[in-house]
């Protein structure tokens, strides 16, 4: 029996444009909040390895803000704004998944310092989950 027949590795890359907004809350500088809207380029890369029914994976999602006055598709028109990292591990059954996910969110400090924005969005969360699934088909 060859154990490599139970191993699979999957990856995905996603790229997209979005019009994102964010709100700055600072009681001294912006008592009612300052809202910004901007065009963003979002890229996401993730990898997942599966051995039999167990899986382990991770990924990074990078959000880059378009500079004012730059054309939408200009090279170098986007500056990294946020990096989101995720890690997941679990077991995949026939009708359910049981797993653990860790996700952390980090601003790109060079971007914040360049615009004199105080660090407001940073953090992480962990979750343990059970996903039930079933498919109805009418043939």
N, C-alpha and C. Protein backbone atom coordinates (compact mmCIF):
# COMPACT_ATOMS: atom_id res chain seq x y z
N UNK A 1 0.84 -1.18 0.00
CA UNK A 1 0.00 0.00 0.00
C UNK A 1 0.89 1.24 0.00
N UNK A 2 0.67 2.15 -0.95
CA UNK A 2 1.44 3.37 -1.08
C UNK A 2 0.71 4.50 -0.33
N UNK A 3 1.35 5.07 0.70
CA UNK A 3 0.72 6.14 1.48
C UNK A 3 0.52 7.42 0.68
N UNK A 4 1.31 7.63 -0.38
CA UNK A 4 1.17 8.85 -1.17
C UNK A 4 -0.15 8.91 -1.92
N UNK A 5 -0.83 7.79 -2.09
CA UNK A 5 -2.13 7.82 -2.76
C UNK A 5 -3.18 8.51 -1.90
N UNK A 6 -2.94 8.65 -0.60
CA UNK A 6 -3.87 9.34 0.30
C UNK A 6 -3.55 10.82 0.45
N UNK A 7 -2.46 11.30 -0.15
CA UNK A 7 -2.01 12.68 0.00
C UNK A 7 -2.43 13.51 -1.20
N UNK A 8 -2.98 14.69 -0.93
CA UNK A 8 -3.28 15.64 -2.00
C UNK A 8 -2.91 17.05 -1.53
N UNK A 9 -2.49 17.86 -2.45
CA UNK A 9 -2.14 19.25 -2.15
C UNK A 9 -2.90 20.13 -3.14
N UNK A 10 -3.61 21.12 -2.59
CA UNK A 10 -4.39 22.04 -3.42
C UNK A 10 -3.96 23.46 -3.12
N UNK A 11 -4.00 24.31 -4.14
CA UNK A 11 -3.69 25.71 -3.94
C UNK A 11 -4.65 26.55 -4.78
N UNK A 12 -4.78 27.81 -4.38
CA UNK A 12 -5.61 28.72 -5.17
C UNK A 12 -5.05 30.13 -5.07
N UNK A 13 -5.23 30.88 -6.13
CA UNK A 13 -4.81 32.27 -6.19
C UNK A 13 -5.99 33.08 -6.73
N UNK A 14 -6.36 34.13 -6.02
CA UNK A 14 -7.48 34.97 -6.41
C UNK A 14 -7.00 36.41 -6.46
N UNK A 15 -7.44 37.14 -7.47
CA UNK A 15 -7.12 38.56 -7.56
C UNK A 15 -8.40 39.29 -7.95
N UNK A 16 -8.62 40.45 -7.35
CA UNK A 16 -9.83 41.19 -7.65
C UNK A 16 -9.71 42.65 -7.28
N UNK A 17 -10.60 43.46 -7.84
CA UNK A 17 -10.68 44.88 -7.53
C UNK A 17 -11.91 45.13 -6.69
N UNK A 18 -11.79 46.03 -5.72
CA UNK A 18 -12.94 46.36 -4.90
C UNK A 18 -12.89 47.84 -4.55
N UNK A 19 -14.03 48.36 -4.21
CA UNK A 19 -14.10 49.71 -3.69
C UNK A 19 -14.33 49.57 -2.20
N UNK A 20 -13.28 49.76 -1.43
CA UNK A 20 -13.34 49.51 0.01
C UNK A 20 -13.43 50.82 0.78
N UNK A 21 -13.99 50.72 1.93
CA UNK A 21 -14.07 51.87 2.81
C UNK A 21 -13.62 51.49 4.20
N UNK A 22 -13.11 52.44 4.92
CA UNK A 22 -12.75 52.18 6.30
C UNK A 22 -13.02 53.43 7.12
N UNK A 23 -13.22 53.23 8.39
CA UNK A 23 -13.59 54.29 9.31
C UNK A 23 -12.51 54.41 10.38
N UNK A 24 -12.06 55.62 10.61
CA UNK A 24 -11.10 55.87 11.69
C UNK A 24 -11.84 56.47 12.88
N UNK A 25 -11.65 55.87 14.03
CA UNK A 25 -12.27 56.38 15.25
C UNK A 25 -11.18 56.83 16.19
N UNK A 26 -11.13 58.09 16.46
CA UNK A 26 -10.17 58.65 17.39
C UNK A 26 -10.89 59.78 18.11
N UNK A 27 -11.06 59.66 19.41
CA UNK A 27 -11.87 60.63 20.16
C UNK A 27 -11.27 62.04 20.12
N UNK A 28 -9.96 62.15 19.95
CA UNK A 28 -9.33 63.47 19.94
C UNK A 28 -9.37 64.08 18.54
N UNK A 29 -8.82 63.34 17.54
CA UNK A 29 -8.71 63.90 16.19
C UNK A 29 -10.02 63.82 15.42
N UNK A 30 -10.74 62.73 15.53
CA UNK A 30 -11.98 62.52 14.79
C UNK A 30 -13.07 62.07 15.74
N UNK A 31 -13.68 63.00 16.47
CA UNK A 31 -14.67 62.57 17.47
C UNK A 31 -15.87 61.86 16.86
N UNK A 32 -16.22 62.16 15.61
CA UNK A 32 -17.36 61.49 14.98
C UNK A 32 -16.91 60.46 13.97
N UNK A 33 -15.63 60.27 13.84
CA UNK A 33 -15.10 59.29 12.89
C UNK A 33 -14.80 59.94 11.55
N UNK A 34 -13.77 59.47 10.90
CA UNK A 34 -13.42 59.93 9.56
C UNK A 34 -13.51 58.74 8.63
N UNK A 35 -14.29 58.88 7.58
CA UNK A 35 -14.52 57.75 6.68
C UNK A 35 -13.78 57.99 5.36
N UNK A 36 -13.15 56.93 4.87
CA UNK A 36 -12.42 56.98 3.62
C UNK A 36 -12.93 55.88 2.71
N UNK A 37 -12.97 56.18 1.42
CA UNK A 37 -13.35 55.19 0.43
C UNK A 37 -12.27 55.18 -0.64
N UNK A 38 -11.88 54.01 -1.09
CA UNK A 38 -10.79 53.92 -2.03
C UNK A 38 -10.91 52.65 -2.87
N UNK A 39 -10.29 52.68 -4.05
CA UNK A 39 -10.20 51.47 -4.87
C UNK A 39 -9.07 50.62 -4.34
N UNK A 40 -9.30 49.33 -4.22
CA UNK A 40 -8.30 48.41 -3.68
C UNK A 40 -8.10 47.23 -4.62
N UNK A 41 -6.91 46.71 -4.60
CA UNK A 41 -6.57 45.48 -5.29
C UNK A 41 -6.40 44.42 -4.20
N UNK A 42 -7.13 43.33 -4.31
CA UNK A 42 -7.06 42.28 -3.31
C UNK A 42 -6.49 41.01 -3.94
N UNK A 43 -5.47 40.46 -3.30
CA UNK A 43 -4.88 39.20 -3.76
C UNK A 43 -4.93 38.20 -2.61
N UNK A 44 -5.22 36.97 -2.94
CA UNK A 44 -5.35 35.93 -1.93
C UNK A 44 -4.64 34.68 -2.46
N UNK A 45 -3.77 34.13 -1.64
CA UNK A 45 -3.08 32.89 -1.99
C UNK A 45 -3.21 31.93 -0.82
N UNK A 46 -3.63 30.70 -1.09
CA UNK A 46 -3.76 29.72 -0.02
C UNK A 46 -3.35 28.34 -0.51
N UNK A 47 -2.91 27.52 0.44
CA UNK A 47 -2.47 26.15 0.18
C UNK A 47 -3.12 25.25 1.22
N UNK A 48 -3.55 24.06 0.78
CA UNK A 48 -4.12 23.08 1.72
C UNK A 48 -3.59 21.69 1.36
N UNK A 49 -3.07 21.00 2.36
CA UNK A 49 -2.62 19.62 2.18
C UNK A 49 -3.62 18.71 2.89
N UNK A 50 -3.95 17.60 2.23
CA UNK A 50 -4.90 16.65 2.80
C UNK A 50 -4.30 15.26 2.78
N UNK A 51 -4.32 14.61 3.91
CA UNK A 51 -3.86 13.23 4.02
C UNK A 51 -5.02 12.40 4.54
N UNK A 52 -5.52 11.53 3.70
CA UNK A 52 -6.72 10.76 3.96
C UNK A 52 -7.86 11.74 4.22
N UNK A 53 -8.38 11.86 5.43
CA UNK A 53 -9.46 12.81 5.73
C UNK A 53 -8.99 13.99 6.58
N UNK A 54 -7.72 14.07 6.90
CA UNK A 54 -7.19 15.17 7.70
C UNK A 54 -6.59 16.22 6.78
N UNK A 55 -6.76 17.48 7.13
CA UNK A 55 -6.23 18.55 6.30
C UNK A 55 -5.54 19.62 7.14
N UNK A 56 -4.62 20.33 6.50
CA UNK A 56 -3.84 21.39 7.12
C UNK A 56 -3.56 22.42 6.04
N UNK A 57 -3.78 23.69 6.34
CA UNK A 57 -3.56 24.70 5.31
C UNK A 57 -3.36 26.08 5.88
N UNK A 58 -3.10 27.01 4.99
CA UNK A 58 -2.90 28.39 5.38
C UNK A 58 -2.93 29.29 4.16
N UNK A 59 -3.00 30.58 4.43
CA UNK A 59 -3.04 31.52 3.31
C UNK A 59 -2.78 32.94 3.76
N UNK A 60 -2.61 33.81 2.77
CA UNK A 60 -2.43 35.23 3.03
C UNK A 60 -3.31 36.01 2.06
N UNK A 61 -3.96 37.03 2.58
CA UNK A 61 -4.81 37.92 1.79
C UNK A 61 -4.20 39.32 1.92
N UNK A 62 -3.80 39.91 0.81
CA UNK A 62 -3.15 41.23 0.82
C UNK A 62 -4.06 42.24 0.14
N UNK A 63 -4.41 43.29 0.86
CA UNK A 63 -5.23 44.36 0.32
C UNK A 63 -4.31 45.55 0.07
N UNK A 64 -4.32 46.05 -1.16
CA UNK A 64 -3.48 47.18 -1.55
C UNK A 64 -4.36 48.32 -2.02
N UNK A 65 -4.07 49.54 -1.56
CA UNK A 65 -4.87 50.71 -1.90
C UNK A 65 -4.28 51.43 -3.11
N UNK A 66 -5.17 51.86 -4.02
CA UNK A 66 -4.73 52.59 -5.20
C UNK A 66 -4.40 54.03 -4.82
N UNK A 67 -3.30 54.53 -5.33
CA UNK A 67 -2.92 55.92 -5.07
C UNK A 67 -3.86 56.85 -5.82
N UNK A 68 -4.15 58.01 -5.22
CA UNK A 68 -5.01 59.00 -5.87
C UNK A 68 -4.38 59.48 -7.17
N UNK A 69 -5.21 59.63 -8.18
CA UNK A 69 -4.74 60.15 -9.46
C UNK A 69 -4.10 59.13 -10.38
N UNK A 70 -3.89 57.92 -9.92
CA UNK A 70 -3.28 56.88 -10.76
C UNK A 70 -4.38 56.15 -11.52
N UNK A 71 -4.03 55.70 -12.73
CA UNK A 71 -4.96 54.91 -13.53
C UNK A 71 -5.13 53.54 -12.89
N UNK A 72 -6.29 52.96 -13.07
CA UNK A 72 -6.65 51.71 -12.41
C UNK A 72 -5.64 50.59 -12.62
N UNK A 73 -5.07 50.46 -13.83
CA UNK A 73 -4.18 49.33 -14.12
C UNK A 73 -2.71 49.73 -14.21
N UNK A 74 -2.33 50.89 -13.71
CA UNK A 74 -0.92 51.29 -13.72
C UNK A 74 -0.10 50.38 -12.81
N UNK A 75 1.07 49.96 -13.30
CA UNK A 75 2.00 49.20 -12.45
C UNK A 75 2.53 50.14 -11.38
N UNK A 76 2.55 49.71 -10.15
CA UNK A 76 3.03 50.54 -9.05
C UNK A 76 2.01 51.52 -8.52
N UNK A 77 0.75 51.39 -8.95
CA UNK A 77 -0.28 52.31 -8.50
C UNK A 77 -0.89 51.91 -7.16
N UNK A 78 -0.51 50.74 -6.64
CA UNK A 78 -1.13 50.22 -5.42
C UNK A 78 -0.09 50.07 -4.30
N UNK A 79 -0.48 50.48 -3.10
CA UNK A 79 0.37 50.33 -1.92
C UNK A 79 -0.28 49.34 -0.96
N UNK A 80 0.48 48.38 -0.43
CA UNK A 80 -0.11 47.42 0.53
C UNK A 80 -0.69 48.14 1.75
N UNK A 81 -1.89 47.74 2.12
CA UNK A 81 -2.61 48.35 3.24
C UNK A 81 -2.80 47.36 4.38
N UNK A 82 -3.27 46.15 4.07
CA UNK A 82 -3.55 45.15 5.11
C UNK A 82 -3.04 43.79 4.67
N UNK A 83 -2.57 43.01 5.62
CA UNK A 83 -2.21 41.61 5.41
C UNK A 83 -3.02 40.77 6.39
N UNK A 84 -3.78 39.83 5.87
CA UNK A 84 -4.56 38.91 6.70
C UNK A 84 -3.99 37.51 6.49
N UNK A 85 -3.66 36.84 7.59
CA UNK A 85 -3.09 35.49 7.52
C UNK A 85 -4.08 34.51 8.14
N UNK A 86 -4.18 33.31 7.57
CA UNK A 86 -5.08 32.31 8.14
C UNK A 86 -4.41 30.94 8.12
N UNK A 87 -4.74 30.15 9.13
CA UNK A 87 -4.25 28.78 9.27
C UNK A 87 -5.44 27.92 9.66
N UNK A 88 -5.54 26.73 9.08
CA UNK A 88 -6.67 25.86 9.37
C UNK A 88 -6.18 24.41 9.43
N UNK A 89 -6.79 23.65 10.31
CA UNK A 89 -6.50 22.22 10.43
C UNK A 89 -7.80 21.52 10.82
N UNK A 90 -7.97 20.30 10.34
CA UNK A 90 -9.20 19.61 10.70
C UNK A 90 -9.34 18.23 10.10
N UNK A 91 -10.55 17.72 10.28
CA UNK A 91 -10.92 16.39 9.80
C UNK A 91 -12.16 16.55 8.93
N UNK A 92 -12.18 15.93 7.78
CA UNK A 92 -13.30 16.03 6.86
C UNK A 92 -13.98 14.67 6.72
N UNK A 93 -15.18 14.56 7.24
CA UNK A 93 -15.95 13.33 7.12
C UNK A 93 -16.85 13.38 5.89
N UNK A 94 -17.71 12.39 5.74
CA UNK A 94 -18.58 12.33 4.58
C UNK A 94 -19.63 13.45 4.61
N UNK A 95 -20.19 13.72 5.77
CA UNK A 95 -21.23 14.73 5.89
C UNK A 95 -20.86 15.88 6.81
N UNK A 96 -19.66 15.93 7.32
CA UNK A 96 -19.30 17.00 8.26
C UNK A 96 -17.79 17.24 8.26
N UNK A 97 -17.40 18.41 8.71
CA UNK A 97 -16.01 18.79 8.97
C UNK A 97 -15.90 19.24 10.41
N UNK A 98 -14.81 18.89 11.05
CA UNK A 98 -14.48 19.39 12.38
C UNK A 98 -13.11 20.01 12.26
N UNK A 99 -12.96 21.25 12.73
CA UNK A 99 -11.67 21.88 12.52
C UNK A 99 -11.37 23.02 13.47
N UNK A 100 -10.20 23.57 13.26
CA UNK A 100 -9.69 24.70 14.03
C UNK A 100 -9.14 25.71 13.04
N UNK A 101 -9.47 26.98 13.24
CA UNK A 101 -8.96 28.04 12.37
C UNK A 101 -8.39 29.17 13.22
N UNK A 102 -7.27 29.68 12.78
CA UNK A 102 -6.65 30.86 13.40
C UNK A 102 -6.48 31.90 12.30
N UNK A 103 -6.94 33.10 12.55
CA UNK A 103 -6.82 34.19 11.57
C UNK A 103 -6.28 35.43 12.29
N UNK A 104 -5.27 36.06 11.69
CA UNK A 104 -4.74 37.29 12.26
C UNK A 104 -4.72 38.38 11.20
N UNK A 105 -4.97 39.60 11.63
CA UNK A 105 -5.12 40.75 10.76
C UNK A 105 -4.06 41.78 11.16
N UNK A 106 -3.27 42.22 10.18
CA UNK A 106 -2.19 43.16 10.47
C UNK A 106 -2.15 44.28 9.44
N UNK A 107 -2.12 45.53 9.90
CA UNK A 107 -1.92 46.63 8.95
C UNK A 107 -0.46 46.67 8.51
N UNK A 108 -0.22 47.21 7.34
CA UNK A 108 1.15 47.41 6.86
C UNK A 108 1.63 48.73 7.45
N UNK A 109 2.61 48.66 8.33
CA UNK A 109 3.03 49.83 9.10
C UNK A 109 3.57 50.96 8.24
N UNK A 110 4.26 50.66 7.15
CA UNK A 110 4.80 51.73 6.30
C UNK A 110 3.67 52.58 5.72
N UNK A 111 2.57 51.94 5.35
CA UNK A 111 1.43 52.66 4.81
C UNK A 111 0.83 53.58 5.88
N UNK A 112 0.65 53.07 7.08
CA UNK A 112 0.04 53.87 8.14
C UNK A 112 0.92 55.05 8.52
N UNK A 113 2.22 54.85 8.63
CA UNK A 113 3.12 55.93 9.00
C UNK A 113 3.19 57.00 7.92
N UNK A 114 3.13 56.58 6.66
CA UNK A 114 3.19 57.52 5.55
C UNK A 114 1.99 58.46 5.58
N UNK A 115 0.85 57.99 6.04
CA UNK A 115 -0.37 58.81 6.07
C UNK A 115 -0.71 59.30 7.47
N UNK A 116 0.20 59.10 8.40
CA UNK A 116 0.01 59.55 9.79
C UNK A 116 -1.30 59.03 10.38
N UNK A 117 -1.58 57.75 10.13
CA UNK A 117 -2.78 57.10 10.68
C UNK A 117 -2.35 56.26 11.87
N UNK A 118 -3.07 56.42 12.96
CA UNK A 118 -2.75 55.61 14.14
C UNK A 118 -3.23 54.18 13.91
N UNK A 119 -2.47 53.24 14.44
CA UNK A 119 -2.77 51.82 14.27
C UNK A 119 -4.06 51.48 14.99
N UNK A 120 -5.11 51.16 14.22
CA UNK A 120 -6.42 50.90 14.83
C UNK A 120 -6.92 49.49 14.57
N UNK A 121 -6.51 48.87 13.48
CA UNK A 121 -7.04 47.54 13.16
C UNK A 121 -5.91 46.53 13.24
N UNK A 122 -5.93 45.74 14.26
CA UNK A 122 -4.94 44.69 14.43
C UNK A 122 -5.55 43.69 15.40
N UNK A 123 -5.38 42.45 15.12
CA UNK A 123 -5.95 41.47 16.03
C UNK A 123 -5.96 40.09 15.44
N UNK A 124 -6.60 39.20 16.16
CA UNK A 124 -6.65 37.81 15.72
C UNK A 124 -7.86 37.15 16.36
N UNK A 125 -8.26 36.05 15.78
CA UNK A 125 -9.28 35.23 16.42
C UNK A 125 -9.01 33.77 16.13
N UNK A 126 -9.54 32.94 17.00
CA UNK A 126 -9.44 31.50 16.87
C UNK A 126 -10.85 30.95 16.92
N UNK A 127 -11.08 29.89 16.16
CA UNK A 127 -12.40 29.26 16.26
C UNK A 127 -12.27 27.77 16.06
N UNK A 128 -13.12 27.06 16.76
CA UNK A 128 -13.29 25.63 16.59
C UNK A 128 -14.66 25.49 15.94
N UNK A 129 -14.76 24.68 14.89
CA UNK A 129 -16.01 24.65 14.15
C UNK A 129 -16.40 23.23 13.75
N UNK A 130 -17.69 23.08 13.51
CA UNK A 130 -18.26 21.87 12.92
C UNK A 130 -19.14 22.34 11.76
N UNK A 131 -18.90 21.80 10.59
CA UNK A 131 -19.68 22.14 9.40
C UNK A 131 -20.42 20.88 8.94
N UNK A 132 -21.74 20.99 8.84
CA UNK A 132 -22.55 19.89 8.33
C UNK A 132 -22.91 20.19 6.88
N UNK A 133 -22.87 19.18 6.03
CA UNK A 133 -23.21 19.40 4.63
C UNK A 133 -23.96 18.19 4.07
N UNK A 134 -24.83 18.50 3.15
CA UNK A 134 -25.57 17.46 2.44
C UNK A 134 -26.04 18.06 1.13
N UNK A 135 -26.12 17.28 0.12
CA UNK A 135 -26.53 17.77 -1.18
C UNK A 135 -27.78 17.03 -1.63
N UNK A 136 -28.76 17.80 -2.06
CA UNK A 136 -29.97 17.21 -2.63
C UNK A 136 -29.83 17.28 -4.14
N UNK A 137 -30.02 16.17 -4.79
CA UNK A 137 -29.98 16.18 -6.26
C UNK A 137 -31.21 15.47 -6.80
N UNK A 138 -31.71 16.01 -7.87
CA UNK A 138 -32.92 15.48 -8.47
C UNK A 138 -32.56 14.98 -9.87
N UNK A 139 -32.37 13.68 -9.99
CA UNK A 139 -31.97 13.11 -11.28
C UNK A 139 -33.06 12.25 -11.84
